[in-house]
């Protein structure tokens, strides 16, 4: 079975999964270096982490769905399977990753604004 759509979907899910886990690991690692005790910014960070975890879970679910499609269709004479069952989990993965990344940018902006206000730069 030579289905390039399955390979492309698999690669895209893996890339978003890698970005989600990388962003989670990066922000969790350097959280202690950011001295920001603002309750709003900390809440935004926690919500972003939860949303990124949702992206990771749905990425794994998407990969499992792809495997569930590919394994039964290993007969070389069969046509390429339709990937409609992957689109739902993948959409959730993409949207939650995008929302989590946006919240990370908002968090960074709030931390920088608060830091500048403390210095008196603004």
PDB file of N, CA and C in Angstrom:
ATOM      1  N   UNK A   1       0.846  -1.175   0.000  1.00  0.00           N
ATOM      2  CA  UNK A   1       0.000   0.000   0.000  1.00  0.00           C
ATOM      3  C   UNK A   1       0.889   1.235   0.000  1.00  0.00           C
ATOM      4  N   UNK A   2       0.694   2.087  -0.992  1.00  0.00           N
ATOM      5  CA  UNK A   2       1.519   3.275  -1.139  1.00  0.00           C
ATOM      6  C   UNK A   2       0.629   4.505  -1.021  1.00  0.00           C
ATOM      7  N   UNK A   3       0.369   4.902   0.182  1.00  0.00           N
ATOM      8  CA  UNK A   3      -0.520   6.033   0.423  1.00  0.00           C
ATOM      9  C   UNK A   3       0.284   7.175   1.021  1.00  0.00           C
ATOM     10  N   UNK A   4       0.518   8.168   0.211  1.00  0.00           N
ATOM     11  CA  UNK A   4       1.284   9.304   0.688  1.00  0.00           C
ATOM     12  C   UNK A   4       0.476  10.163   1.665  1.00  0.00           C
ATOM     13  N   UNK A   5      -0.848  10.134   1.547  1.00  0.00           N
ATOM     14  CA  UNK A   5      -1.689  10.925   2.456  1.00  0.00           C
ATOM     15  C   UNK A   5      -1.516  10.464   3.900  1.00  0.00           C
ATOM     16  N   UNK A   6      -1.408   9.174   4.093  1.00  0.00           N
ATOM     17  CA  UNK A   6      -1.238   8.648   5.446  1.00  0.00           C
ATOM     18  C   UNK A   6       0.110   9.070   6.012  1.00  0.00           C
ATOM     19  N   UNK A   7       1.151   8.990   5.180  1.00  0.00           N
ATOM     20  CA  UNK A   7       2.481   9.391   5.640  1.00  0.00           C
ATOM     21  C   UNK A   7       2.524  10.878   5.960  1.00  0.00           C
ATOM     22  N   UNK A   8       1.878  11.693   5.131  1.00  0.00           N
ATOM     23  CA  UNK A   8       1.858  13.136   5.382  1.00  0.00           C
ATOM     24  C   UNK A   8       1.068  13.473   6.643  1.00  0.00           C
ATOM     25  N   UNK A   9      -0.086  12.837   6.823  1.00  0.00           N
ATOM     26  CA  UNK A   9      -0.879  13.073   8.036  1.00  0.00           C
ATOM     27  C   UNK A   9      -0.104  12.643   9.272  1.00  0.00           C
ATOM     28  N   UNK A  10       0.556  11.510   9.182  1.00  0.00           N
ATOM     29  CA  UNK A  10       1.356  11.006  10.287  1.00  0.00           C
ATOM     30  C   UNK A  10       2.481  11.992  10.645  1.00  0.00           C
ATOM     31  N   UNK A  11       3.169  12.491   9.629  1.00  0.00           N
ATOM     32  CA  UNK A  11       4.256  13.444   9.873  1.00  0.00           C
ATOM     33  C   UNK A  11       3.740  14.748  10.478  1.00  0.00           C
ATOM     34  N   UNK A  12       2.610  15.236   9.977  1.00  0.00           N
ATOM     35  CA  UNK A  12       2.067  16.492  10.484  1.00  0.00           C
ATOM     36  C   UNK A  12       1.629  16.354  11.948  1.00  0.00           C
ATOM     37  N   UNK A  13       0.995  15.251  12.274  1.00  0.00           N
ATOM     38  CA  UNK A  13       0.591  15.017  13.663  1.00  0.00           C
ATOM     39  C   UNK A  13       1.827  14.957  14.559  1.00  0.00           C
ATOM     40  N   UNK A  14       2.870  14.279  14.098  1.00  0.00           N
ATOM     41  CA  UNK A  14       4.102  14.175  14.893  1.00  0.00           C
ATOM     42  C   UNK A  14       4.760  15.534  15.089  1.00  0.00           C
ATOM     43  N   UNK A  15       4.740  16.369  14.046  1.00  0.00           N
ATOM     44  CA  UNK A  15       5.367  17.696  14.168  1.00  0.00           C
ATOM     45  C   UNK A  15       4.628  18.568  15.181  1.00  0.00           C
ATOM     46  N   UNK A  16       3.304  18.578  15.117  1.00  0.00           N
ATOM     47  CA  UNK A  16       2.530  19.380  16.076  1.00  0.00           C
ATOM     48  C   UNK A  16       2.683  18.808  17.484  1.00  0.00           C
ATOM     49  N   UNK A  17       2.736  17.491  17.591  1.00  0.00           N
ATOM     50  CA  UNK A  17       2.954  16.849  18.891  1.00  0.00           C
ATOM     51  C   UNK A  17       4.310  17.247  19.465  1.00  0.00           C
ATOM     52  N   UNK A  18       5.333  17.261  18.624  1.00  0.00           N
ATOM     53  CA  UNK A  18       6.674  17.663  19.063  1.00  0.00           C
ATOM     54  C   UNK A  18       6.694  19.127  19.497  1.00  0.00           C
ATOM     55  N   UNK A  19       6.039  19.994  18.728  1.00  0.00           N
ATOM     56  CA  UNK A  19       5.990  21.412  19.098  1.00  0.00           C
ATOM     57  C   UNK A  19       5.246  21.617  20.418  1.00  0.00           C
ATOM     58  N   UNK A  20       4.162  20.910  20.613  1.00  0.00           N
ATOM     59  CA  UNK A  20       3.387  21.037  21.852  1.00  0.00           C
ATOM     60  C   UNK A  20       4.195  20.601  23.063  1.00  0.00           C
ATOM     61  N   UNK A  21       4.816  19.439  22.963  1.00  0.00           N
ATOM     62  CA  UNK A  21       5.603  18.955  24.100  1.00  0.00           C
ATOM     63  C   UNK A  21       6.838  19.821  24.315  1.00  0.00           C
ATOM     64  N   UNK A  22       7.426  20.315  23.248  1.00  0.00           N
ATOM     65  CA  UNK A  22       8.588  21.194  23.384  1.00  0.00           C
ATOM     66  C   UNK A  22       8.236  22.503  24.066  1.00  0.00           C
ATOM     67  N   UNK A  23       7.102  23.080  23.684  1.00  0.00           N
ATOM     68  CA  UNK A  23       6.660  24.328  24.311  1.00  0.00           C
ATOM     69  C   UNK A  23       6.330  24.111  25.777  1.00  0.00           C
ATOM     70  N   UNK A  24       5.696  22.994  26.076  1.00  0.00           N
ATOM     71  CA  UNK A  24       5.415  22.658  27.479  1.00  0.00           C
ATOM     72  C   UNK A  24       6.704  22.506  28.277  1.00  0.00           C
ATOM     73  N   UNK A  25       7.633  21.744  27.743  1.00  0.00           N
ATOM     74  CA  UNK A  25       8.889  21.496  28.456  1.00  0.00           C
ATOM     75  C   UNK A  25       9.691  22.785  28.627  1.00  0.00           C
ATOM     76  N   UNK A  26       9.740  23.602  27.588  1.00  0.00           N
ATOM     77  CA  UNK A  26      10.501  24.846  27.641  1.00  0.00           C
ATOM     78  C   UNK A  26       9.947  25.791  28.697  1.00  0.00           C
ATOM     79  N   UNK A  27       8.638  25.982  28.686  1.00  0.00           N
ATOM     80  CA  UNK A  27       8.054  26.921  29.644  1.00  0.00           C
ATOM     81  C   UNK A  27       8.090  26.374  31.066  1.00  0.00           C
ATOM     82  N   UNK A  28       7.928  25.078  31.216  1.00  0.00           N
ATOM     83  CA  UNK A  28       8.002  24.500  32.562  1.00  0.00           C
ATOM     84  C   UNK A  28       9.419  24.574  33.113  1.00  0.00           C
ATOM     85  N   UNK A  29      10.405  24.400  32.248  1.00  0.00           N
ATOM     86  CA  UNK A  29      11.803  24.445  32.680  1.00  0.00           C
ATOM     87  C   UNK A  29      12.208  25.837  33.145  1.00  0.00           C
ATOM     88  N   UNK A  30      11.805  26.851  32.397  1.00  0.00           N
ATOM     89  CA  UNK A  30      12.249  28.204  32.707  1.00  0.00           C
ATOM     90  C   UNK A  30      11.235  29.002  33.517  1.00  0.00           C
ATOM     91  N   UNK A  31      10.184  28.373  33.997  1.00  0.00           N
ATOM     92  CA  UNK A  31       9.189  29.070  34.802  1.00  0.00           C
ATOM     93  C   UNK A  31       9.794  29.627  36.078  1.00  0.00           C
ATOM     94  N   UNK A  32      10.694  28.896  36.693  1.00  0.00           N
ATOM     95  CA  UNK A  32      11.282  29.354  37.957  1.00  0.00           C
ATOM     96  C   UNK A  32      12.179  30.583  37.759  1.00  0.00           C
ATOM     97  N   UNK A  33      12.675  30.789  36.531  1.00  0.00           N
ATOM     98  CA  UNK A  33      13.518  31.946  36.257  1.00  0.00           C
ATOM     99  C   UNK A  33      12.707  33.222  36.055  1.00  0.00           C
ATOM    100  N   UNK A  34      11.428  33.077  35.786  1.00  0.00           N
ATOM    101  CA  UNK A  34      10.558  34.234  35.583  1.00  0.00           C
ATOM    102  C   UNK A  34       9.923  34.586  36.918  1.00  0.00           C
ATOM    103  N   UNK A  35      10.330  35.721  37.450  1.00  0.00           N
ATOM    104  CA  UNK A  35       9.816  36.166  38.750  1.00  0.00           C
ATOM    105  C   UNK A  35       8.562  37.007  38.522  1.00  0.00           C
ATOM    106  N   UNK A  36       7.450  36.330  38.326  1.00  0.00           N
ATOM    107  CA  UNK A  36       6.185  37.021  38.109  1.00  0.00           C
ATOM    108  C   UNK A  36       5.133  36.381  38.993  1.00  0.00           C
ATOM    109  N   UNK A  37       4.620  37.151  39.918  1.00  0.00           N
ATOM    110  CA  UNK A  37       3.628  36.626  40.841  1.00  0.00           C
ATOM    111  C   UNK A  37       2.226  37.152  40.549  1.00  0.00           C
ATOM    112  N   UNK A  38       2.046  37.734  39.368  1.00  0.00           N
ATOM    113  CA  UNK A  38       0.718  38.240  39.022  1.00  0.00           C
ATOM    114  C   UNK A  38      -0.260  37.096  38.853  1.00  0.00           C
ATOM    115  N   UNK A  39      -1.373  37.192  39.534  1.00  0.00           N
ATOM    116  CA  UNK A  39      -2.325  36.078  39.512  1.00  0.00           C
ATOM    117  C   UNK A  39      -2.920  35.866  38.123  1.00  0.00           C
ATOM    118  N   UNK A  40      -3.119  36.936  37.367  1.00  0.00           N
ATOM    119  CA  UNK A  40      -3.688  36.803  36.024  1.00  0.00           C
ATOM    120  C   UNK A  40      -2.700  36.098  35.101  1.00  0.00           C
ATOM    121  N   UNK A  41      -1.443  36.512  35.141  1.00  0.00           N
ATOM    122  CA  UNK A  41      -0.464  35.900  34.242  1.00  0.00           C
ATOM    123  C   UNK A  41      -0.188  34.443  34.610  1.00  0.00           C
ATOM    124  N   UNK A  42      -0.189  34.127  35.882  1.00  0.00           N
ATOM    125  CA  UNK A  42      -0.001  32.730  36.301  1.00  0.00           C
ATOM    126  C   UNK A  42      -1.198  31.895  35.868  1.00  0.00           C
ATOM    127  N   UNK A  43      -2.402  32.450  35.977  1.00  0.00           N
ATOM    128  CA  UNK A  43      -3.598  31.733  35.528  1.00  0.00           C
ATOM    129  C   UNK A  43      -3.544  31.488  34.026  1.00  0.00           C
ATOM    130  N   UNK A  44      -3.088  32.470  33.266  1.00  0.00           N
ATOM    131  CA  UNK A  44      -2.947  32.304  31.816  1.00  0.00           C
ATOM    132  C   UNK A  44      -1.938  31.207  31.508  1.00  0.00           C
ATOM    133  N   UNK A  45      -0.849  31.184  32.247  1.00  0.00           N
ATOM    134  CA  UNK A  45       0.163  30.142  32.029  1.00  0.00           C
ATOM    135  C   UNK A  45      -0.405  28.751  32.321  1.00  0.00           C
ATOM    136  N   UNK A  46      -1.133  28.622  33.404  1.00  0.00           N
ATOM    137  CA  UNK A  46      -1.699  27.315  33.758  1.00  0.00           C
ATOM    138  C   UNK A  46      -2.728  26.871  32.716  1.00  0.00           C
ATOM    139  N   UNK A  47      -3.565  27.791  32.264  1.00  0.00           N
ATOM    140  CA  UNK A  47      -4.539  27.460  31.222  1.00  0.00           C
ATOM    141  C   UNK A  47      -3.823  27.062  29.936  1.00  0.00           C
ATOM    142  N   UNK A  48      -2.751  27.766  29.590  1.00  0.00           N
ATOM    143  CA  UNK A  48      -1.975  27.422  28.394  1.00  0.00           C
ATOM    144  C   UNK A  48      -1.382  26.028  28.517  1.00  0.00           C
ATOM    145  N   UNK A  49      -0.862  25.702  29.693  1.00  0.00           N
ATOM    146  CA  UNK A  49      -0.320  24.355  29.901  1.00  0.00           C
ATOM    147  C   UNK A  49      -1.401  23.287  29.738  1.00  0.00           C
ATOM    148  N   UNK A  50      -2.557  23.533  30.291  1.00  0.00           N
ATOM    149  CA  UNK A  50      -3.655  22.560  30.175  1.00  0.00           C
ATOM    150  C   UNK A  50      -4.064  22.382  28.715  1.00  0.00           C
ATOM    151  N   UNK A  51      -4.167  23.494  27.999  1.00  0.00           N
ATOM    152  CA  UNK A  51      -4.549  23.418  26.586  1.00  0.00           C
ATOM    153  C   UNK A  51      -3.479  22.698  25.774  1.00  0.00           C
ATOM    154  N   UNK A  52      -2.213  22.943  26.068  1.00  0.00           N
ATOM    155  CA  UNK A  52      -1.147  22.232  25.370  1.00  0.00           C
ATOM    156  C   UNK A  52      -1.160  20.738  25.703  1.00  0.00           C
ATOM    157  N   UNK A  53      -1.512  20.401  26.941  1.00  0.00           N
ATOM    158  CA  UNK A  53      -1.656  18.988  27.291  1.00  0.00           C
ATOM    159  C   UNK A  53      -2.798  18.340  26.506  1.00  0.00           C
ATOM    160  N   UNK A  54      -3.872  19.081  26.291  1.00  0.00           N
ATOM    161  CA  UNK A  54      -4.969  18.581  25.456  1.00  0.00           C
ATOM    162  C   UNK A  54      -4.460  18.329  24.041  1.00  0.00           C
ATOM    163  N   UNK A  55      -3.635  19.231  23.530  1.00  0.00           N
ATOM    164  CA  UNK A  55      -3.054  19.047  22.201  1.00  0.00           C
ATOM    165  C   UNK A  55      -2.204  17.782  22.143  1.00  0.00           C
ATOM    166  N   UNK A  56      -1.427  17.534  23.180  1.00  0.00           N
ATOM    167  CA  UNK A  56      -0.591  16.328  23.225  1.00  0.00           C
ATOM    168  C   UNK A  56      -1.463  15.073  23.247  1.00  0.00           C
ATOM    169  N   UNK A  57      -2.494  15.087  24.072  1.00  0.00           N
ATOM    170  CA  UNK A  57      -3.379  13.917  24.174  1.00  0.00           C
ATOM    171  C   UNK A  57      -4.059  13.637  22.836  1.00  0.00           C
ATOM    172  N   UNK A  58      -4.558  14.673  22.193  1.00  0.00           N
ATOM    173  CA  UNK A  58      -5.223  14.468  20.907  1.00  0.00           C
ATOM    174  C   UNK A  58      -4.229  14.139  19.795  1.00  0.00           C
ATOM    175  N   UNK A  59      -3.000  14.567  19.926  1.00  0.00           N
ATOM    176  CA  UNK A  59      -1.973  14.143  18.975  1.00  0.00           C
ATOM    177  C   UNK A  59      -1.708  12.653  19.081  1.00  0.00           C
ATOM    178  N   UNK A  60      -1.627  12.171  20.308  1.00  0.00           N
ATOM    179  CA  UNK A  60      -1.432  10.728  20.515  1.00  0.00           C
ATOM    180  C   UNK A  60      -2.652   9.964  20.011  1.00  0.00           C
ATOM    181  N   UNK A  61      -3.840  10.497  20.272  1.00  0.00           N
ATOM    182  CA  UNK A  61      -5.060   9.868  19.780  1.00  0.00           C
ATOM    183  C   UNK A  61      -5.076   9.833  18.247  1.00  0.00           C
ATOM    184  N   UNK A  62      -4.622  10.904  17.612  1.00  0.00           N
ATOM    185  CA  UNK A  62      -4.549  10.932  16.148  1.00  0.00           C
ATOM    186  C   UNK A  62      -3.588   9.880  15.624  1.00  0.00           C
ATOM    187  N   UNK A  63      -2.436   9.750  16.260  1.00  0.00           N
ATOM    188  CA  UNK A  63      -1.476   8.729  15.838  1.00  0.00           C
ATOM    189  C   UNK A  63      -2.052   7.335  16.007  1.00  0.00           C
ATOM    190  N   UNK A  64      -2.747   7.111  17.110  1.00  0.00           N
ATOM    191  CA  UNK A  64      -3.361   5.805  17.331  1.00  0.00           C
ATOM    192  C   UNK A  64      -4.436   5.526  16.276  1.00  0.00           C
ATOM    193  N   UNK A  65      -5.172   6.548  15.883  1.00  0.00           N
ATOM    194  CA  UNK A  65      -6.188   6.385  14.849  1.00  0.00           C
ATOM    195  C   UNK A  65      -5.546   6.055  13.509  1.00  0.00           C
ATOM    196  N   UNK A  66      -4.445   6.731  13.198  1.00  0.00           N
ATOM    197  CA  UNK A  66      -3.739   6.438  11.947  1.00  0.00           C
ATOM    198  C   UNK A  66      -3.247   4.998  11.943  1.00  0.00           C
ATOM    199  N   UNK A  67      -2.696   4.558  13.057  1.00  0.00           N
ATOM    200  CA  UNK A  67      -2.233   3.170  13.150  1.00  0.00           C
ATOM    201  C   UNK A  67      -3.413   2.216  12.995  1.00  0.00           C
ATOM    202  N   UNK A  68      -4.543   2.550  13.589  1.00  0.00           N
ATOM    203  CA  UNK A  68      -5.733   1.714  13.464  1.00  0.00           C
ATOM    204  C   UNK A  68      -6.250   1.623  12.046  1.00  0.00           C
ATOM    205  N   UNK A  69      -5.983   2.642  11.249  1.00  0.00           N
ATOM    206  CA  UNK A  69      -6.397   2.629   9.844  1.00  0.00           C
ATOM    207  C   UNK A  69      -5.403   1.850   9.000  1.00  0.00           C
ATOM    208  N   UNK A  70      -4.124   2.050   9.261  1.00  0.00           N
ATOM    209  CA  UNK A  70      -3.080   1.479   8.414  1.00  0.00           C
ATOM    210  C   UNK A  70      -2.917  -0.019   8.648  1.00  0.00           C
ATOM    211  N   UNK A  71      -2.937  -0.459   9.881  1.00  0.00           N
ATOM    212  CA  UNK A  71      -2.672  -1.872  10.183  1.00  0.00           C
ATOM    213  C   UNK A  71      -3.667  -2.808   9.497  1.00  0.00           C
ATOM    214  N   UNK A  72      -4.981  -2.555   9.544  1.00  0.00           N
ATOM    215  CA  UNK A  72      -5.882  -3.467   8.844  1.00  0.00           C
ATOM    216  C   UNK A  72      -5.769  -3.378   7.313  1.00  0.00           C
ATOM    217  N   UNK A  73      -5.232  -2.289   6.812  1.00  0.00           N
ATOM    218  CA  UNK A  73      -5.175  -2.079   5.365  1.00  0.00           C
ATOM    219  C   UNK A  73      -3.802  -2.396   4.792  1.00  0.00           C
ATOM    220  N   UNK A  74      -3.127  -3.374   5.335  1.00  0.00           N
ATOM    221  CA  UNK A  74      -1.782  -3.682   4.850  1.00  0.00           C
ATOM    222  C   UNK A  74      -1.790  -4.546   3.590  1.00  0.00           C
ATOM    223  N   UNK A  75      -2.945  -4.982   3.146  1.00  0.00           N
ATOM    224  CA  UNK A  75      -3.031  -5.756   1.905  1.00  0.00           C
ATOM    225  C   UNK A  75      -2.652  -4.847   0.741  1.00  0.00           C
ATOM    226  N   UNK A  76      -1.634  -5.231  -0.066  1.00  0.00           N
ATOM    227  CA  UNK A  76      -1.183  -4.364  -1.146  1.00  0.00           C
ATOM    228  C   UNK A  76      -2.228  -4.127  -2.225  1.00  0.00           C
ATOM    229  N   UNK A  77      -3.228  -4.977  -2.332  1.00  0.00           N
ATOM    230  CA  UNK A  77      -4.242  -4.800  -3.356  1.00  0.00           C
ATOM    231  C   UNK A  77      -5.341  -3.836  -2.973  1.00  0.00           C
ATOM    232  N   UNK A  78      -5.441  -3.514  -1.706  1.00  0.00           N
ATOM    233  CA  UNK A  78      -6.505  -2.622  -1.240  1.00  0.00           C
ATOM    234  C   UNK A  78      -6.179  -1.170  -1.579  1.00  0.00           C
ATOM    235  N   UNK A  79      -7.231  -0.380  -1.818  1.00  0.00           N
ATOM    236  CA  UNK A  79      -6.977   1.052  -2.056  1.00  0.00           C
ATOM    237  C   UNK A  79      -6.591   1.757  -0.759  1.00  0.00           C
ATOM    238  N   UNK A  80      -6.097   2.943  -0.917  1.00  0.00           N
ATOM    239  CA  UNK A  80      -5.684   3.744   0.241  1.00  0.00           C
ATOM    240  C   UNK A  80      -6.903   4.054   1.110  1.00  0.00           C
ATOM    241  N   UNK A  81      -6.818   3.821   2.420  1.00  0.00           N
ATOM    242  CA  UNK A  81      -7.974   4.088   3.288  1.00  0.00           C
ATOM    243  C   UNK A  81      -8.240   5.582   3.425  1.00  0.00           C
ATOM    244  N   UNK A  82      -9.480   5.893   3.678  1.00  0.00           N
ATOM    245  CA  UNK A  82      -9.884   7.281   3.864  1.00  0.00           C
ATOM    246  C   UNK A  82      -9.550   7.691   5.291  1.00  0.00           C
ATOM    247  N   UNK A  83      -9.021   8.890   5.451  1.00  0.00           N
ATOM    248  CA  UNK A  83      -8.560   9.348   6.761  1.00  0.00           C
ATOM    249  C   UNK A  83      -9.584  10.219   7.488  1.00  0.00           C
ATOM    250  N   UNK A  84     -10.862  10.016   7.234  1.00  0.00           N
ATOM    251  CA  UNK A  84     -11.869  10.878   7.868  1.00  0.00           C
ATOM    252  C   UNK A  84     -11.912  10.722   9.376  1.00  0.00           C
ATOM    253  N   UNK A  85     -11.587   9.554   9.883  1.00  0.00           N
ATOM    254  CA  UNK A  85     -11.637   9.367  11.340  1.00  0.00           C
ATOM    255  C   UNK A  85     -10.477  10.064  12.050  1.00  0.00           C
ATOM    256  N   UNK A  86      -9.484  10.510  11.304  1.00  0.00           N
ATOM    257  CA  UNK A  86      -8.337  11.210  11.895  1.00  0.00           C
ATOM    258  C   UNK A  86      -8.591  12.703  11.984  1.00  0.00           C
ATOM    259  N   UNK A  87      -9.446  13.223  11.129  1.00  0.00           N
ATOM    260  CA  UNK A  87      -9.611  14.679  11.059  1.00  0.00           C
ATOM    261  C   UNK A  87     -10.157  15.291  12.346  1.00  0.00           C
ATOM    262  N   UNK A  88     -11.064  14.585  13.032  1.00  0.00           N
ATOM    263  CA  UNK A  88     -11.622  15.128  14.281  1.00  0.00           C
ATOM    264  C   UNK A  88     -10.565  15.342  15.348  1.00  0.00           C
ATOM    265  N   UNK A  89      -9.835  14.273  15.739  1.00  0.00           N
ATOM    266  CA  UNK A  89      -8.793  14.468  16.746  1.00  0.00           C
ATOM    267  C   UNK A  89      -7.697  15.433  16.297  1.00  0.00           C
ATOM    268  N   UNK A  90      -7.397  15.415  14.987  1.00  0.00           N
ATOM    269  CA  UNK A  90      -6.335  16.304  14.502  1.00  0.00           C
ATOM    270  C   UNK A  90      -6.767  17.767  14.582  1.00  0.00           C
ATOM    271  N   UNK A  91      -8.017  18.045  14.275  1.00  0.00           N
ATOM    272  CA  UNK A  91      -8.510  19.425  14.384  1.00  0.00           C
ATOM    273  C   UNK A  91      -8.414  19.925  15.825  1.00  0.00           C
ATOM    274  N   UNK A  92      -8.781  19.058  16.767  1.00  0.00           N
ATOM    275  CA  UNK A  92      -8.672  19.442  18.185  1.00  0.00           C
ATOM    276  C   UNK A  92      -7.212  19.688  18.540  1.00  0.00           C
ATOM    277  N   UNK A  93      -6.321  18.842  18.024  1.00  0.00           N
ATOM    278  CA  UNK A  93      -4.887  19.008  18.302  1.00  0.00           C
ATOM    279  C   UNK A  93      -4.380  20.345  17.769  1.00  0.00           C
ATOM    280  N   UNK A  94      -4.711  20.668  16.529  1.00  0.00           N
ATOM    281  CA  UNK A  94      -4.234  21.908  15.907  1.00  0.00           C
ATOM    282  C   UNK A  94      -4.801  23.137  16.624  1.00  0.00           C
ATOM    283  N   UNK A  95      -6.101  23.133  16.884  1.00  0.00           N
ATOM    284  CA  UNK A  95      -6.729  24.295  17.530  1.00  0.00           C
ATOM    285  C   UNK A  95      -6.181  24.491  18.940  1.00  0.00           C
ATOM    286  N   UNK A  96      -6.048  23.401  19.684  1.00  0.00           N
ATOM    287  CA  UNK A  96      -5.544  23.546  21.051  1.00  0.00           C
ATOM    288  C   UNK A  96      -4.073  23.963  21.054  1.00  0.00           C
ATOM    289  N   UNK A  97      -3.285  23.488  20.096  1.00  0.00           N
ATOM    290  CA  UNK A  97      -1.904  23.939  20.019  1.00  0.00           C
ATOM    291  C   UNK A  97      -1.844  25.432  19.707  1.00  0.00           C
ATOM    292  N   UNK A  98      -2.623  25.865  18.740  1.00  0.00           N
ATOM    293  CA  UNK A  98      -2.634  27.288  18.388  1.00  0.00           C
ATOM    294  C   UNK A  98      -3.066  28.163  19.545  1.00  0.00           C
ATOM    295  N   UNK A  99      -4.121  27.754  20.233  1.00  0.00           N
ATOM    296  CA  UNK A  99      -4.608  28.519  21.380  1.00  0.00           C
ATOM    297  C   UNK A  99      -3.584  28.531  22.517  1.00  0.00           C
ATOM    298  N   UNK A 100      -2.954  27.380  22.762  1.00  0.00           N
ATOM    299  CA  UNK A 100      -1.918  27.315  23.801  1.00  0.00           C
ATOM    300  C   UNK A 100      -0.727  28.194  23.473  1.00  0.00           C
ATOM    301  N   UNK A 101      -0.324  28.202  22.202  1.00  0.00           N
ATOM    302  CA  UNK A 101       0.804  29.045  21.787  1.00  0.00           C
ATOM    303  C   UNK A 101       0.451  30.527  21.919  1.00  0.00           C
ATOM    304  N   UNK A 102      -0.765  30.886  21.554  1.00  0.00           N
ATOM    305  CA  UNK A 102      -1.197  32.286  21.694  1.00  0.00           C
ATOM    306  C   UNK A 102      -1.204  32.693  23.168  1.00  0.00           C
ATOM    307  N   UNK A 103      -1.700  31.821  24.025  1.00  0.00           N
ATOM    308  CA  UNK A 103      -1.705  32.133  25.463  1.00  0.00           C
ATOM    309  C   UNK A 103      -0.296  32.261  26.019  1.00  0.00           C
ATOM    310  N   UNK A 104       0.648  31.498  25.489  1.00  0.00           N
ATOM    311  CA  UNK A 104       2.045  31.628  25.914  1.00  0.00           C
ATOM    312  C   UNK A 104       2.596  33.000  25.529  1.00  0.00           C
ATOM    313  N   UNK A 105       2.233  33.474  24.351  1.00  0.00           N
ATOM    314  CA  UNK A 105       2.678  34.808  23.919  1.00  0.00           C
ATOM    315  C   UNK A 105       2.041  35.884  24.801  1.00  0.00           C
ATOM    316  N   UNK A 106       0.762  35.713  25.123  1.00  0.00           N
ATOM    317  CA  UNK A 106       0.084  36.670  26.013  1.00  0.00           C
ATOM    318  C   UNK A 106       0.757  36.676  27.385  1.00  0.00           C
ATOM    319  N   UNK A 107       1.071  35.490  27.889  1.00  0.00           N
ATOM    320  CA  UNK A 107       1.751  35.387  29.185  1.00  0.00           C
ATOM    321  C   UNK A 107       3.105  36.111  29.142  1.00  0.00           C
ATOM    322  N   UNK A 108       3.879  35.864  28.095  1.00  0.00           N
ATOM    323  CA  UNK A 108       5.186  36.522  27.977  1.00  0.00           C
ATOM    324  C   UNK A 108       5.026  38.036  27.901  1.00  0.00           C
ATOM    325  N   UNK A 109       4.022  38.488  27.168  1.00  0.00           N
ATOM    326  CA  UNK A 109       3.778  39.928  27.085  1.00  0.00           C
ATOM    327  C   UNK A 109       3.417  40.533  28.426  1.00  0.00           C
ATOM    328  N   UNK A 110       2.574  39.856  29.182  1.00  0.00           N
ATOM    329  CA  UNK A 110       2.208  40.354  30.512  1.00  0.00           C
ATOM    330  C   UNK A 110       3.408  40.408  31.449  1.00  0.00           C
ATOM    331  N   UNK A 111       4.247  39.387  31.387  1.00  0.00           N
ATOM    332  CA  UNK A 111       5.441  39.367  32.244  1.00  0.00           C
ATOM    333  C   UNK A 111       6.369  40.510  31.872  1.00  0.00           C
ATOM    334  N   UNK A 112       6.574  40.729  30.581  1.00  0.00           N
ATOM    335  CA  UNK A 112       7.464  41.813  30.144  1.00  0.00           C
ATOM    336  C   UNK A 112       6.891  43.181  30.492  1.00  0.00           C
ATOM    337  N   UNK A 113       5.585  43.365  30.319  1.00  0.00           N
ATOM    338  CA  UNK A 113       4.973  44.647  30.683  1.00  0.00           C
ATOM    339  C   UNK A 113       5.103  44.921  32.176  1.00  0.00           C
ATOM    340  N   UNK A 114       4.865  43.896  32.983  1.00  0.00           N
ATOM    341  CA  UNK A 114       4.969  44.059  34.428  1.00  0.00           C
ATOM    342  C   UNK A 114       6.409  44.374  34.831  1.00  0.00           C
ATOM    343  N   UNK A 115       7.357  43.719  34.165  1.00  0.00           N
ATOM    344  CA  UNK A 115       8.771  43.949  34.471  1.00  0.00           C
ATOM    345  C   UNK A 115       9.173  45.386  34.093  1.00  0.00           C
ATOM    346  N   UNK A 116       8.681  45.859  32.935  1.00  0.00           N
ATOM    347  CA  UNK A 116       9.000  47.221  32.519  1.00  0.00           C
ATOM    348  C   UNK A 116       8.366  48.256  33.445  1.00  0.00           C
ATOM    349  N   UNK A 117       7.147  47.987  33.911  1.00  0.00           N
ATOM    350  CA  UNK A 117       6.479  48.911  34.824  1.00  0.00           C
ATOM    351  C   UNK A 117       7.225  49.014  36.152  1.00  0.00           C
ATOM    352  N   UNK A 118       7.785  47.910  36.616  1.00  0.00           N
ATOM    353  CA  UNK A 118       8.548  47.911  37.866  1.00  0.00           C
ATOM    354  C   UNK A 118       9.811  48.737  37.724  1.00  0.00           C
ATOM    355  N   UNK A 119      10.411  48.695  36.534  1.00  0.00           N
ATOM    356  CA  UNK A 119      11.631  49.471  36.281  1.00  0.00           C
ATOM    357  C   UNK A 119      11.336  50.942  36.046  1.00  0.00           C
ATOM    358  N   UNK A 120      10.085  51.231  35.653  1.00  0.00           N
ATOM    359  CA  UNK A 120       9.720  52.612  35.359  1.00  0.00           C
ATOM    360  C   UNK A 120       9.986  53.014  33.925  1.00  0.00           C
ATOM    361  N   UNK A 121      10.122  52.027  33.045  1.00  0.00           N
ATOM    362  CA  UNK A 121      10.406  52.311  31.638  1.00  0.00           C
ATOM    363  C   UNK A 121       9.187  52.783  30.890  1.00  0.00           C
ATOM    364  N   UNK A 122       7.970  52.446  31.352  1.00  0.00           N
ATOM    365  CA  UNK A 122       6.772  52.833  30.631  1.00  0.00           C
ATOM    366  C   UNK A 122       6.142  54.066  31.201  1.00  0.00           C
TER     367      UNK A 122
END
